[in-house]
Amino acid sequence: QVQLVESGGGLVQPGESLRLSCTATGTIFNTYGQGWYRQAPGKQRELVTVITSDGNTNSSDAVKGRFTISRDNAKKTVYLQMNSLKPEDTAVYYCYADLSYYDDPFIQRKIHWGQGTQVTVAS
């Protein structure tokens, strides 16, 4: 089975930076896409940024120019570098991965989610 384990959240002041990490465990065959969503209190979950299997990225207008998604395939980890953080970036951040994995005796494909990590931006 595959799990996504997130880390890196915390409390920062406006203008500061944070880097979130999301590491996959288990035997993975292919990754079709990865990304980050966030959910602020009282709001719906929204897409923040994605990276495709061939490395193309896209981000929401709210974070474009401030947040960067990247990945290290050898470490099975995707990162979210967040710069110039604003109070409105406060949310629980969730990573996801659309991937195929070994589920004895089959190979399955499924979207997996991380457990969520809290990011709070306040002075």
Protein backbone atom coordinates (compact mmCIF):
# COMPACT_ATOMS: atom_id res chain seq x y z
CA GLN A 1 0.00 0.00 0.00
CA VAL A 2 1.01 3.59 -0.55
CA GLN A 3 0.89 6.43 1.94
CA LEU A 4 1.73 10.10 1.51
CA VAL A 5 3.39 11.65 4.54
CA GLU A 6 3.49 15.43 4.79
CA SER A 7 5.76 17.65 6.84
CA GLY A 8 6.90 21.24 7.10
CA GLY A 9 3.86 23.20 8.22
CA GLY A 10 3.93 25.73 11.02
CA LEU A 11 3.37 29.29 12.17
CA VAL A 12 5.15 32.09 10.34
CA GLN A 13 4.86 35.85 10.02
CA PRO A 14 3.66 37.59 6.86
CA GLY A 15 6.41 37.78 4.27
CA GLU A 16 8.25 34.72 5.53
CA SER A 17 8.73 31.37 3.79
CA LEU A 18 7.95 27.72 4.42
CA ARG A 19 8.66 24.53 2.54
CA LEU A 20 6.25 21.63 2.68
CA SER A 21 7.28 18.08 1.82
CA CYS A 22 5.19 15.10 0.82
CA THR A 23 6.89 11.70 0.69
CA ALA A 24 5.36 8.54 -0.72
CA THR A 25 5.93 5.15 0.85
CA GLY A 26 5.45 1.83 -0.86
CA THR A 27 6.31 0.43 -4.26
CA ILE A 28 5.34 2.92 -6.95
CA PHE A 29 5.37 2.15 -10.65
CA ASN A 30 4.24 5.38 -12.25
CA THR A 31 3.26 8.83 -11.10
CA TYR A 32 0.76 10.54 -13.36
CA GLY A 33 0.46 13.84 -11.52
CA GLN A 34 1.01 15.41 -8.14
CA GLY A 35 -0.01 18.58 -6.44
CA TRP A 36 -1.19 20.51 -3.46
CA TYR A 37 -4.63 21.61 -2.31
CA ARG A 38 -5.50 23.74 0.67
CA GLN A 39 -8.55 24.28 2.81
CA ALA A 40 -9.07 27.35 4.94
CA PRO A 41 -11.60 27.39 7.82
CA GLY A 42 -15.13 27.65 6.49
CA LYS A 43 -14.02 27.37 2.87
CA GLN A 44 -13.94 24.65 0.26
CA ARG A 45 -10.74 22.85 -0.59
CA GLU A 46 -8.98 24.62 -3.45
CA LEU A 47 -6.25 23.60 -5.85
CA VAL A 48 -2.96 25.39 -5.22
CA THR A 49 -0.51 23.91 -7.70
CA VAL A 50 0.15 20.82 -9.78
CA ILE A 51 3.05 19.13 -11.52
CA THR A 52 2.45 16.68 -14.34
CA SER A 53 4.33 13.48 -15.09
CA ASP A 54 6.50 15.31 -17.62
CA GLY A 55 7.30 18.15 -15.23
CA ASN A 56 4.91 20.85 -16.36
CA THR A 57 3.56 22.98 -13.55
CA ASN A 58 0.58 25.21 -13.04
CA SER A 59 -0.57 27.27 -10.08
CA SER A 60 -3.63 29.19 -9.01
CA ASP A 61 -3.60 32.94 -9.51
CA ALA A 62 -3.61 33.41 -5.74
CA VAL A 63 -0.15 31.89 -5.36
CA LYS A 64 1.43 32.37 -8.79
CA GLY A 65 4.86 33.93 -8.47
CA ARG A 66 5.10 33.09 -4.75
CA PHE A 67 4.70 29.30 -4.52
CA THR A 68 6.75 26.73 -6.42
CA ILE A 69 6.14 23.01 -6.73
CA SER A 70 9.02 20.64 -7.39
CA ARG A 71 9.81 16.98 -6.92
CA ASP A 72 12.64 14.57 -6.33
CA ASN A 73 11.69 11.27 -7.97
CA ALA A 74 14.54 9.37 -6.31
CA LYS A 75 13.20 10.38 -2.90
CA LYS A 76 9.56 9.97 -4.00
CA THR A 77 8.97 13.44 -2.61
CA VAL A 78 7.15 16.50 -3.87
CA TYR A 79 7.81 19.91 -2.36
CA LEU A 80 5.89 23.15 -2.05
CA GLN A 81 8.12 26.17 -1.56
CA MET A 82 6.01 29.04 -0.27
CA ASN A 83 7.50 32.53 -0.27
CA SER A 84 6.07 35.91 0.65
CA LEU A 85 3.37 34.27 2.72
CA LYS A 86 0.21 36.20 3.46
CA PRO A 87 -2.42 35.76 6.19
CA GLU A 88 -4.84 34.56 3.50
CA ASP A 89 -2.53 31.61 2.84
CA THR A 90 -3.50 30.22 6.24
CA ALA A 91 -5.00 26.79 5.67
CA VAL A 92 -4.47 23.07 5.98
CA TYR A 93 -2.40 21.98 3.01
CA TYR A 94 -2.94 18.55 1.45
CA CYS A 95 -0.70 16.88 -1.08
CA TYR A 96 -2.03 14.38 -3.57
CA ALA A 97 -0.54 11.94 -6.05
CA ASP A 98 -2.17 10.07 -8.91
CA LEU A 99 -0.05 6.97 -9.17
CA SER A 100 0.10 3.27 -9.83
CA TYR A 101 1.45 0.95 -7.18
CA TYR A 102 1.95 -2.72 -6.39
CA ASP A 103 -0.97 -4.20 -4.46
CA ASP A 104 -0.20 -7.90 -4.40
CA PRO A 105 -0.89 -9.52 -6.80
CA PHE A 106 -2.12 -6.56 -8.85
CA ILE A 107 -0.94 -3.17 -9.99
CA GLN A 108 -3.50 -0.54 -9.03
CA ARG A 109 -3.92 3.10 -9.94
CA LYS A 110 -5.47 5.53 -7.50
CA ILE A 111 -5.28 9.10 -6.21
CA HIS A 112 -3.70 9.23 -2.78
CA TRP A 113 -3.86 12.05 -0.24
CA GLY A 114 -1.57 13.21 2.51
CA GLN A 115 -2.80 13.70 6.04
CA GLY A 116 -2.71 17.49 5.84
CA THR A 117 -0.39 19.99 7.47
CA GLN A 118 -1.38 23.29 9.06
CA VAL A 119 0.11 26.52 7.75
CA THR A 120 -0.66 29.63 9.77
CA VAL A 121 0.48 33.09 8.69
CA ALA A 122 0.02 35.70 11.39
CA SER A 123 1.92 38.57 12.95
